[in-house]
Amino acid sequence: MSHEHPASSVHHHHVVPGFGADRAAHYDTQASLNLAGAQALYEIGVSALTAQLDGQDAASLLFVGLGTGAELVPYTRFNVPGWRFTGVDPSDAMLAVARSRLEAEGMLSRTHLHVGELHTLPPGPPFDGAQVMGVLHHVEGDEARLELLREVTRRLVPGAPVVLGCRVGNDPELMNVELRRLRAYGVPQDALERRRQLFATIRPIESDAALFAMLARTGLVAPRPIFVSLQFKVFLARFEPGAAG
């Protein structure tokens, strides 16, 4: 999950600094600081996908921007031993942390980790569901965002549930709330200002309506909000190939 830090892991379809070995070891501490409620978010993502696929003894799920693998850990409590996971991330340092974590949790044997962007993942059987957490706002421009969503849906079975989380909107009042909380945790003023300036430049999707229109164009329908933390919003949608506009 790559939404917690202003540095971009997906930018013009190549990797830029910010998610390498220098940060990977400390990433989860920063994640829980930078996104209020990160742990609940991971659990709700798992809850949404398992609820949609309840009763399936076997399922194969795709995770785009898996990072350090924290979003997979709650699966250990959901009693789905036959499910398999594929995690994709451009940073080998982040996936190295994921590998250690998933091994410790007993999940590595049913998880395939792929270093690279999604389009470099070799073709295979379609996935039963997917999660794209904290990636979309790091992709620059609507066309590139649509292409990423299409790349996800190309790899899904019809009817597959998709959990998608990203920053939506750029409300200065809500940015003030976010920065005030970080200040209370000891983040220095110059770092807060850099964060404010950066989020002014990455141009997140401007509104829920704009995001829903983008989803509809790629056959992702019926988005439901399942988690909101200030301007980070998470939706559960469903892939219906015939609905793509």
C-alpha atoms as a PDB file:
ATOM      1  CA  MET A   1       0.000   0.000   0.000  1.00  0.00           C
ATOM      2  CA  SER A   2       1.670   3.181  -1.141  1.00  0.00           C
ATOM      3  CA  HIS A   3      -0.601   6.029  -0.144  1.00  0.00           C
ATOM      4  CA  GLU A   4       1.025   7.065   3.110  1.00  0.00           C
ATOM      5  CA  HIS A   5       4.012   8.889   1.731  1.00  0.00           C
ATOM      6  CA  PRO A   6       4.151  11.700  -0.786  1.00  0.00           C
ATOM      7  CA  ALA A   7       6.932  10.067  -2.801  1.00  0.00           C
ATOM      8  CA  SER A   8       5.440   8.265  -5.753  1.00  0.00           C
ATOM      9  CA  SER A   9       5.880   4.570  -6.427  1.00  0.00           C
ATOM     10  CA  VAL A  10       3.918   4.707  -9.667  1.00  0.00           C
ATOM     11  CA  HIS A  11       4.727   7.709 -11.813  1.00  0.00           C
ATOM     12  CA  HIS A  12       4.907   7.895 -15.591  1.00  0.00           C
ATOM     13  CA  HIS A  13       5.057   4.078 -15.491  1.00  0.00           C
ATOM     14  CA  HIS A  14       8.428   3.882 -13.834  1.00  0.00           C
ATOM     15  CA  VAL A  15       9.693   3.740 -10.281  1.00  0.00           C
ATOM     16  CA  VAL A  16      10.949   6.871  -8.572  1.00  0.00           C
ATOM     17  CA  PRO A  17      12.687   7.157  -5.186  1.00  0.00           C
ATOM     18  CA  GLY A  18      10.741   6.875  -1.964  1.00  0.00           C
ATOM     19  CA  PHE A  19       9.896   3.205  -1.579  1.00  0.00           C
ATOM     20  CA  GLY A  20      13.374   1.664  -1.483  1.00  0.00           C
ATOM     21  CA  ALA A  21      15.480  -0.040   1.152  1.00  0.00           C
ATOM     22  CA  ASP A  22      15.980   3.225   3.055  1.00  0.00           C
ATOM     23  CA  ARG A  23      12.276   3.350   3.891  1.00  0.00           C
ATOM     24  CA  ALA A  24      10.989  -0.196   3.668  1.00  0.00           C
ATOM     25  CA  ALA A  25      12.064  -1.171   7.177  1.00  0.00           C
ATOM     26  CA  HIS A  26      10.222   1.781   8.743  1.00  0.00           C
ATOM     27  CA  TYR A  27       7.304   1.905   6.333  1.00  0.00           C
ATOM     28  CA  ASP A  28       4.619   0.378   8.519  1.00  0.00           C
ATOM     29  CA  THR A  29       5.298   2.698  11.431  1.00  0.00           C
ATOM     30  CA  GLN A  30       5.003   5.613   9.016  1.00  0.00           C
ATOM     31  CA  ALA A  31       1.883   4.111   7.462  1.00  0.00           C
ATOM     32  CA  SER A  32       0.007   3.954  10.749  1.00  0.00           C
ATOM     33  CA  LEU A  33       1.072   7.524  11.495  1.00  0.00           C
ATOM     34  CA  ASN A  34       0.285   8.985   8.077  1.00  0.00           C
ATOM     35  CA  LEU A  35      -3.071   7.274   7.584  1.00  0.00           C
ATOM     36  CA  ALA A  36      -5.285   7.383  10.664  1.00  0.00           C
ATOM     37  CA  GLY A  37      -6.946   3.995  11.038  1.00  0.00           C
ATOM     38  CA  ALA A  38      -4.592   2.056   8.748  1.00  0.00           C
ATOM     39  CA  GLN A  39      -5.055  -1.181  10.704  1.00  0.00           C
ATOM     40  CA  ALA A  40      -8.861  -0.972  10.545  1.00  0.00           C
ATOM     41  CA  LEU A  41      -8.580  -0.215   6.837  1.00  0.00           C
ATOM     42  CA  TYR A  42      -6.657  -3.432   6.155  1.00  0.00           C
ATOM     43  CA  GLU A  43      -9.198  -5.428   8.136  1.00  0.00           C
ATOM     44  CA  ILE A  44     -12.177  -3.859   6.334  1.00  0.00           C
ATOM     45  CA  GLY A  45     -10.598  -4.554   2.941  1.00  0.00           C
ATOM     46  CA  VAL A  46     -10.277  -8.221   3.900  1.00  0.00           C
ATOM     47  CA  SER A  47     -13.821  -8.228   5.328  1.00  0.00           C
ATOM     48  CA  ALA A  48     -15.222  -6.820   2.072  1.00  0.00           C
ATOM     49  CA  LEU A  49     -13.524  -9.330  -0.221  1.00  0.00           C
ATOM     50  CA  THR A  50     -14.240 -12.327   2.012  1.00  0.00           C
ATOM     51  CA  ALA A  51     -17.903 -11.295   2.397  1.00  0.00           C
ATOM     52  CA  GLN A  52     -18.281 -11.056  -1.384  1.00  0.00           C
ATOM     53  CA  LEU A  53     -16.655 -14.443  -1.967  1.00  0.00           C
ATOM     54  CA  ASP A  54     -18.015 -16.171   1.141  1.00  0.00           C
ATOM     55  CA  GLY A  55     -18.346 -19.903   0.788  1.00  0.00           C
ATOM     56  CA  GLN A  56     -15.644 -20.268  -1.872  1.00  0.00           C
ATOM     57  CA  ASP A  57     -13.137 -22.837  -0.659  1.00  0.00           C
ATOM     58  CA  ALA A  58     -10.628 -21.666  -3.267  1.00  0.00           C
ATOM     59  CA  ALA A  59     -10.140 -18.116  -4.524  1.00  0.00           C
ATOM     60  CA  SER A  60      -7.310 -16.227  -6.153  1.00  0.00           C
ATOM     61  CA  LEU A  61      -6.895 -12.536  -5.310  1.00  0.00           C
ATOM     62  CA  LEU A  62      -4.737  -9.811  -6.871  1.00  0.00           C
ATOM     63  CA  PHE A  63      -3.167  -7.024  -4.768  1.00  0.00           C
ATOM     64  CA  VAL A  64      -1.768  -4.050  -6.676  1.00  0.00           C
ATOM     65  CA  GLY A  65       0.795  -1.965  -4.787  1.00  0.00           C
ATOM     66  CA  LEU A  66       1.135  -4.567  -2.026  1.00  0.00           C
ATOM     67  CA  GLY A  67       4.112  -2.812  -0.437  1.00  0.00           C
ATOM     68  CA  THR A  68       5.105  -4.495   2.825  1.00  0.00           C
ATOM     69  CA  GLY A  69       2.171  -6.893   2.777  1.00  0.00           C
ATOM     70  CA  ALA A  70       0.324  -5.510   5.802  1.00  0.00           C
ATOM     71  CA  GLU A  71      -3.002  -5.571   3.947  1.00  0.00           C
ATOM     72  CA  LEU A  72      -2.790  -9.380   3.648  1.00  0.00           C
ATOM     73  CA  VAL A  73      -2.158 -10.159   7.321  1.00  0.00           C
ATOM     74  CA  PRO A  74      -5.827 -10.058   8.487  1.00  0.00           C
ATOM     75  CA  TYR A  75      -6.587 -13.030   6.209  1.00  0.00           C
ATOM     76  CA  THR A  76      -5.051 -15.244   8.906  1.00  0.00           C
ATOM     77  CA  ARG A  77      -8.176 -14.610  11.032  1.00  0.00           C
ATOM     78  CA  PHE A  78     -10.781 -15.122   8.295  1.00  0.00           C
ATOM     79  CA  ASN A  79     -10.521 -18.913   7.899  1.00  0.00           C
ATOM     80  CA  VAL A  80      -9.870 -19.061   4.150  1.00  0.00           C
ATOM     81  CA  PRO A  81      -6.948 -21.528   4.009  1.00  0.00           C
ATOM     82  CA  GLY A  82      -7.604 -22.441   0.365  1.00  0.00           C
ATOM     83  CA  TRP A  83      -7.292 -18.875  -0.923  1.00  0.00           C
ATOM     84  CA  ARG A  84      -4.216 -17.748  -2.830  1.00  0.00           C
ATOM     85  CA  PHE A  85      -2.771 -14.257  -3.216  1.00  0.00           C
ATOM     86  CA  THR A  86      -0.687 -12.437  -5.827  1.00  0.00           C
ATOM     87  CA  GLY A  87       0.980  -9.205  -4.731  1.00  0.00           C
ATOM     88  CA  VAL A  88       2.513  -6.781  -7.226  1.00  0.00           C
ATOM     89  CA  ASP A  89       4.755  -3.851  -6.324  1.00  0.00           C
ATOM     90  CA  PRO A  90       7.517  -1.987  -8.196  1.00  0.00           C
ATOM     91  CA  SER A  91       9.785  -1.955  -5.113  1.00  0.00           C
ATOM     92  CA  ASP A  92      11.793  -5.090  -4.389  1.00  0.00           C
ATOM     93  CA  ALA A  93      12.775  -3.614  -1.006  1.00  0.00           C
ATOM     94  CA  MET A  94       9.124  -3.324   0.016  1.00  0.00           C
ATOM     95  CA  LEU A  95       8.340  -6.844  -1.185  1.00  0.00           C
ATOM     96  CA  ALA A  96      11.360  -8.141   0.759  1.00  0.00           C
ATOM     97  CA  VAL A  97       9.655  -6.850   3.917  1.00  0.00           C
ATOM     98  CA  ALA A  98       6.392  -8.424   2.728  1.00  0.00           C
ATOM     99  CA  ARG A  99       8.138 -11.750   2.168  1.00  0.00           C
ATOM    100  CA  SER A 100       9.507 -11.828   5.735  1.00  0.00           C
ATOM    101  CA  ARG A 101       6.173 -10.768   7.216  1.00  0.00           C
ATOM    102  CA  LEU A 102       4.120 -13.293   5.251  1.00  0.00           C
ATOM    103  CA  GLU A 103       6.566 -16.039   6.122  1.00  0.00           C
ATOM    104  CA  ALA A 104       6.208 -15.198   9.814  1.00  0.00           C
ATOM    105  CA  GLU A 105       2.407 -15.240   9.444  1.00  0.00           C
ATOM    106  CA  GLY A 106       2.442 -18.598   7.655  1.00  0.00           C
ATOM    107  CA  MET A 107       1.043 -17.082   4.450  1.00  0.00           C
ATOM    108  CA  LEU A 108       4.040 -17.057   2.133  1.00  0.00           C
ATOM    109  CA  SER A 109       3.401 -20.543   0.713  1.00  0.00           C
ATOM    110  CA  ARG A 110       0.135 -19.339  -0.827  1.00  0.00           C
ATOM    111  CA  THR A 111       1.334 -15.890  -1.902  1.00  0.00           C
ATOM    112  CA  HIS A 112       3.102 -15.045  -5.154  1.00  0.00           C
ATOM    113  CA  LEU A 113       5.082 -11.787  -5.014  1.00  0.00           C
ATOM    114  CA  HIS A 114       5.924 -10.048  -8.298  1.00  0.00           C
ATOM    115  CA  VAL A 115       8.382  -7.142  -8.467  1.00  0.00           C
ATOM    116  CA  GLY A 116       7.271  -4.684 -11.138  1.00  0.00           C
ATOM    117  CA  GLU A 117       4.239  -2.755 -12.266  1.00  0.00           C
ATOM    118  CA  LEU A 118       1.027  -4.591 -13.001  1.00  0.00           C
ATOM    119  CA  HIS A 119       1.482  -4.699 -16.779  1.00  0.00           C
ATOM    120  CA  THR A 120       4.671  -6.772 -16.258  1.00  0.00           C
ATOM    121  CA  LEU A 121       2.805  -9.549 -14.410  1.00  0.00           C
ATOM    122  CA  PRO A 122       2.714 -12.544 -16.784  1.00  0.00           C
ATOM    123  CA  PRO A 123      -0.755 -13.559 -18.006  1.00  0.00           C
ATOM    124  CA  GLY A 124      -2.469 -16.318 -16.056  1.00  0.00           C
ATOM    125  CA  PRO A 125      -5.886 -17.555 -14.983  1.00  0.00           C
ATOM    126  CA  PRO A 126      -8.228 -14.657 -14.117  1.00  0.00           C
ATOM    127  CA  PHE A 127      -8.466 -13.557 -10.487  1.00  0.00           C
ATOM    128  CA  ASP A 128     -11.640 -13.845  -8.397  1.00  0.00           C
ATOM    129  CA  GLY A 129     -11.123 -10.416  -6.811  1.00  0.00           C
ATOM    130  CA  ALA A 130      -8.629  -7.571  -6.437  1.00  0.00           C
ATOM    131  CA  GLN A 131      -7.490  -4.791  -4.141  1.00  0.00           C
ATOM    132  CA  VAL A 132      -5.824  -1.570  -5.319  1.00  0.00           C
ATOM    133  CA  MET A 133      -4.912   0.338  -2.180  1.00  0.00           C
ATOM    134  CA  GLY A 134      -3.197   3.718  -2.239  1.00  0.00           C
ATOM    135  CA  VAL A 135      -1.970   3.504  -5.826  1.00  0.00           C
ATOM    136  CA  LEU A 136      -4.340   5.445  -8.072  1.00  0.00           C
ATOM    137  CA  HIS A 137      -3.546   8.942  -6.803  1.00  0.00           C
ATOM    138  CA  HIS A 138       0.154   8.347  -7.540  1.00  0.00           C
ATOM    139  CA  VAL A 139      -0.624   7.700 -11.223  1.00  0.00           C
ATOM    140  CA  GLU A 140      -0.485  10.943 -13.172  1.00  0.00           C
ATOM    141  CA  GLY A 141      -3.421  11.898 -15.364  1.00  0.00           C
ATOM    142  CA  ASP A 142      -6.822  10.416 -16.065  1.00  0.00           C
ATOM    143  CA  GLU A 143      -5.717   8.354 -19.076  1.00  0.00           C
ATOM    144  CA  ALA A 144      -2.966   6.612 -17.119  1.00  0.00           C
ATOM    145  CA  ARG A 145      -5.380   6.014 -14.230  1.00  0.00           C
ATOM    146  CA  LEU A 146      -7.953   4.516 -16.590  1.00  0.00           C
ATOM    147  CA  GLU A 147      -5.275   2.312 -18.136  1.00  0.00           C
ATOM    148  CA  LEU A 148      -4.280   0.982 -14.700  1.00  0.00           C
ATOM    149  CA  LEU A 149      -7.929   0.177 -13.896  1.00  0.00           C
ATOM    150  CA  ARG A 150      -8.302  -1.539 -17.273  1.00  0.00           C
ATOM    151  CA  GLU A 151      -5.152  -3.536 -16.588  1.00  0.00           C
ATOM    152  CA  VAL A 152      -6.735  -4.702 -13.326  1.00  0.00           C
ATOM    153  CA  THR A 153     -10.090  -5.601 -14.878  1.00  0.00           C
ATOM    154  CA  ARG A 154      -8.452  -7.434 -17.798  1.00  0.00           C
ATOM    155  CA  ARG A 155      -7.218  -9.916 -15.195  1.00  0.00           C
ATOM    156  CA  LEU A 156     -10.567 -10.501 -13.396  1.00  0.00           C
ATOM    157  CA  VAL A 157     -13.453 -12.932 -13.748  1.00  0.00           C
ATOM    158  CA  PRO A 158     -16.825 -11.276 -14.467  1.00  0.00           C
ATOM    159  CA  GLY A 159     -18.550 -10.288 -11.222  1.00  0.00           C
ATOM    160  CA  ALA A 160     -15.271 -10.063  -9.271  1.00  0.00           C
ATOM    161  CA  PRO A 161     -15.285  -7.728  -6.253  1.00  0.00           C
ATOM    162  CA  VAL A 162     -12.681  -4.939  -6.249  1.00  0.00           C
ATOM    163  CA  VAL A 163     -11.602  -2.879  -3.232  1.00  0.00           C
ATOM    164  CA  LEU A 164     -10.082   0.431  -4.284  1.00  0.00           C
ATOM    165  CA  GLY A 165      -8.637   3.062  -1.957  1.00  0.00           C
ATOM    166  CA  CYS A 166      -7.089   6.405  -2.882  1.00  0.00           C
ATOM    167  CA  ARG A 167      -7.014  10.061  -2.033  1.00  0.00           C
ATOM    168  CA  VAL A 168     -10.081  11.875  -3.354  1.00  0.00           C
ATOM    169  CA  GLY A 169     -10.352  15.656  -3.422  1.00  0.00           C
ATOM    170  CA  ASN A 170      -7.974  18.362  -2.256  1.00  0.00           C
ATOM    171  CA  ASP A 171      -9.843  20.254   0.453  1.00  0.00           C
ATOM    172  CA  PRO A 172      -7.533  22.699   2.276  1.00  0.00           C
ATOM    173  CA  GLU A 173      -9.590  22.448   5.495  1.00  0.00           C
ATOM    174  CA  LEU A 174      -9.262  18.671   5.569  1.00  0.00           C
ATOM    175  CA  MET A 175      -5.561  18.978   4.736  1.00  0.00           C
ATOM    176  CA  ASN A 176      -5.250  21.228   7.794  1.00  0.00           C
ATOM    177  CA  VAL A 177      -6.902  18.515   9.901  1.00  0.00           C
ATOM    178  CA  GLU A 178      -4.485  15.916   8.554  1.00  0.00           C
ATOM    179  CA  LEU A 179      -1.431  18.086   9.166  1.00  0.00           C
ATOM    180  CA  ARG A 180      -2.581  19.121  12.648  1.00  0.00           C
ATOM    181  CA  ARG A 181      -2.787  15.464  13.657  1.00  0.00           C
ATOM    182  CA  LEU A 182       0.690  14.780  12.263  1.00  0.00           C
ATOM    183  CA  ARG A 183       2.023  17.809  14.150  1.00  0.00           C
ATOM    184  CA  ALA A 184       0.712  16.281  17.375  1.00  0.00           C
ATOM    185  CA  TYR A 185       2.778  13.175  16.594  1.00  0.00           C
ATOM    186  CA  GLY A 186       5.938  15.259  16.298  1.00  0.00           C
ATOM    187  CA  VAL A 187       6.268  15.695  12.542  1.00  0.00           C
ATOM    188  CA  PRO A 188       8.320  18.900  12.059  1.00  0.00           C
ATOM    189  CA  GLN A 189       6.802  21.958  10.439  1.00  0.00           C
ATOM    190  CA  ASP A 190       9.012  21.893   7.336  1.00  0.00           C
ATOM    191  CA  ALA A 191       7.972  18.292   6.638  1.00  0.00           C
ATOM    192  CA  LEU A 192       4.316  19.246   7.071  1.00  0.00           C
ATOM    193  CA  GLU A 193       4.705  22.065   4.561  1.00  0.00           C
ATOM    194  CA  ARG A 194       6.419  19.755   2.061  1.00  0.00           C
ATOM    195  CA  ARG A 195       3.520  17.350   2.419  1.00  0.00           C
ATOM    196  CA  ARG A 196       0.988  20.145   1.827  1.00  0.00           C
ATOM    197  CA  GLN A 197       2.846  21.318  -1.287  1.00  0.00           C
ATOM    198  CA  LEU A 198       3.244  17.816  -2.630  1.00  0.00           C
ATOM    199  CA  PHE A 199      -0.433  16.938  -2.325  1.00  0.00           C
ATOM    200  CA  ALA A 200      -1.217  20.192  -4.107  1.00  0.00           C
ATOM    201  CA  THR A 201       0.871  18.967  -7.056  1.00  0.00           C
ATOM    202  CA  ILE A 202      -0.089  15.281  -7.352  1.00  0.00           C
ATOM    203  CA  ARG A 203      -3.662  16.260  -8.257  1.00  0.00           C
ATOM    204  CA  PRO A 204      -5.741  13.502  -6.724  1.00  0.00           C
ATOM    205  CA  ILE A 205      -9.048  12.545  -8.326  1.00  0.00           C
ATOM    206  CA  GLU A 206     -11.199  15.591  -7.675  1.00  0.00           C
ATOM    207  CA  SER A 207     -14.420  14.053  -6.321  1.00  0.00           C
ATOM    208  CA  ASP A 208     -16.334  10.857  -5.650  1.00  0.00           C
ATOM    209  CA  ALA A 209     -18.324  11.536  -8.838  1.00  0.00           C
ATOM    210  CA  ALA A 210     -15.141  11.795 -10.917  1.00  0.00           C
ATOM    211  CA  LEU A 211     -13.854   8.539  -9.425  1.00  0.00           C
ATOM    212  CA  PHE A 212     -17.171   6.761 -10.024  1.00  0.00           C
ATOM    213  CA  ALA A 213     -17.180   7.919 -13.657  1.00  0.00           C
ATOM    214  CA  MET A 214     -13.681   6.504 -14.074  1.00  0.00           C
ATOM    215  CA  LEU A 215     -14.743   3.208 -12.506  1.00  0.00           C
ATOM    216  CA  ALA A 216     -17.818   3.018 -14.749  1.00  0.00           C
ATOM    217  CA  ARG A 217     -15.680   3.450 -17.866  1.00  0.00           C
ATOM    218  CA  THR A 218     -13.714   0.333 -16.886  1.00  0.00           C
ATOM    219  CA  GLY A 219     -16.736  -1.826 -15.981  1.00  0.00           C
ATOM    220  CA  LEU A 220     -16.432  -1.320 -12.215  1.00  0.00           C
ATOM    221  CA  VAL A 221     -19.987  -0.787 -10.961  1.00  0.00           C
ATOM    222  CA  ALA A 222     -21.968  -0.157  -7.768  1.00  0.00           C
ATOM    223  CA  PRO A 223     -19.145   1.430  -5.725  1.00  0.00           C
ATOM    224  CA  ARG A 224     -19.925   1.510  -2.009  1.00  0.00           C
ATOM    225  CA  PRO A 225     -17.893   3.476   0.529  1.00  0.00           C
ATOM    226  CA  ILE A 226     -16.442   1.118   3.143  1.00  0.00           C
ATOM    227  CA  PHE A 227     -13.803   3.317   4.842  1.00  0.00           C
ATOM    228  CA  VAL A 228     -12.960   7.015   5.013  1.00  0.00           C
ATOM    229  CA  SER A 229     -10.007   8.624   6.761  1.00  0.00           C
ATOM    230  CA  LEU A 230     -10.124  12.336   5.939  1.00  0.00           C
ATOM    231  CA  GLN A 231      -9.359  12.491   2.196  1.00  0.00           C
ATOM    232  CA  PHE A 232      -8.389   8.836   1.846  1.00  0.00           C
ATOM    233  CA  LYS A 233     -11.469   6.905   0.729  1.00  0.00           C
ATOM    234  CA  VAL A 234     -12.044   3.225   0.089  1.00  0.00           C
ATOM    235  CA  PHE A 235     -14.809   1.714  -2.054  1.00  0.00           C
ATOM    236  CA  LEU A 236     -16.045  -1.770  -2.807  1.00  0.00           C
ATOM    237  CA  ALA A 237     -17.079  -2.198  -6.461  1.00  0.00           C
ATOM    238  CA  ARG A 238     -17.862  -5.102  -8.781  1.00  0.00           C
ATOM    239  CA  PHE A 239     -16.475  -5.865 -12.230  1.00  0.00           C
ATOM    240  CA  GLU A 240     -19.187  -6.205 -14.882  1.00  0.00           C
ATOM    241  CA  PRO A 241     -17.501  -6.383 -18.317  1.00  0.00           C
ATOM    242  CA  GLY A 242     -20.629  -5.416 -20.275  1.00  0.00           C
ATOM    243  CA  ALA A 243     -20.997  -2.200 -18.245  1.00  0.00           C
ATOM    244  CA  ALA A 244     -17.745  -0.572 -19.416  1.00  0.00           C
ATOM    245  CA  GLY A 245     -18.448   2.754 -21.102  1.00  0.00           C
END
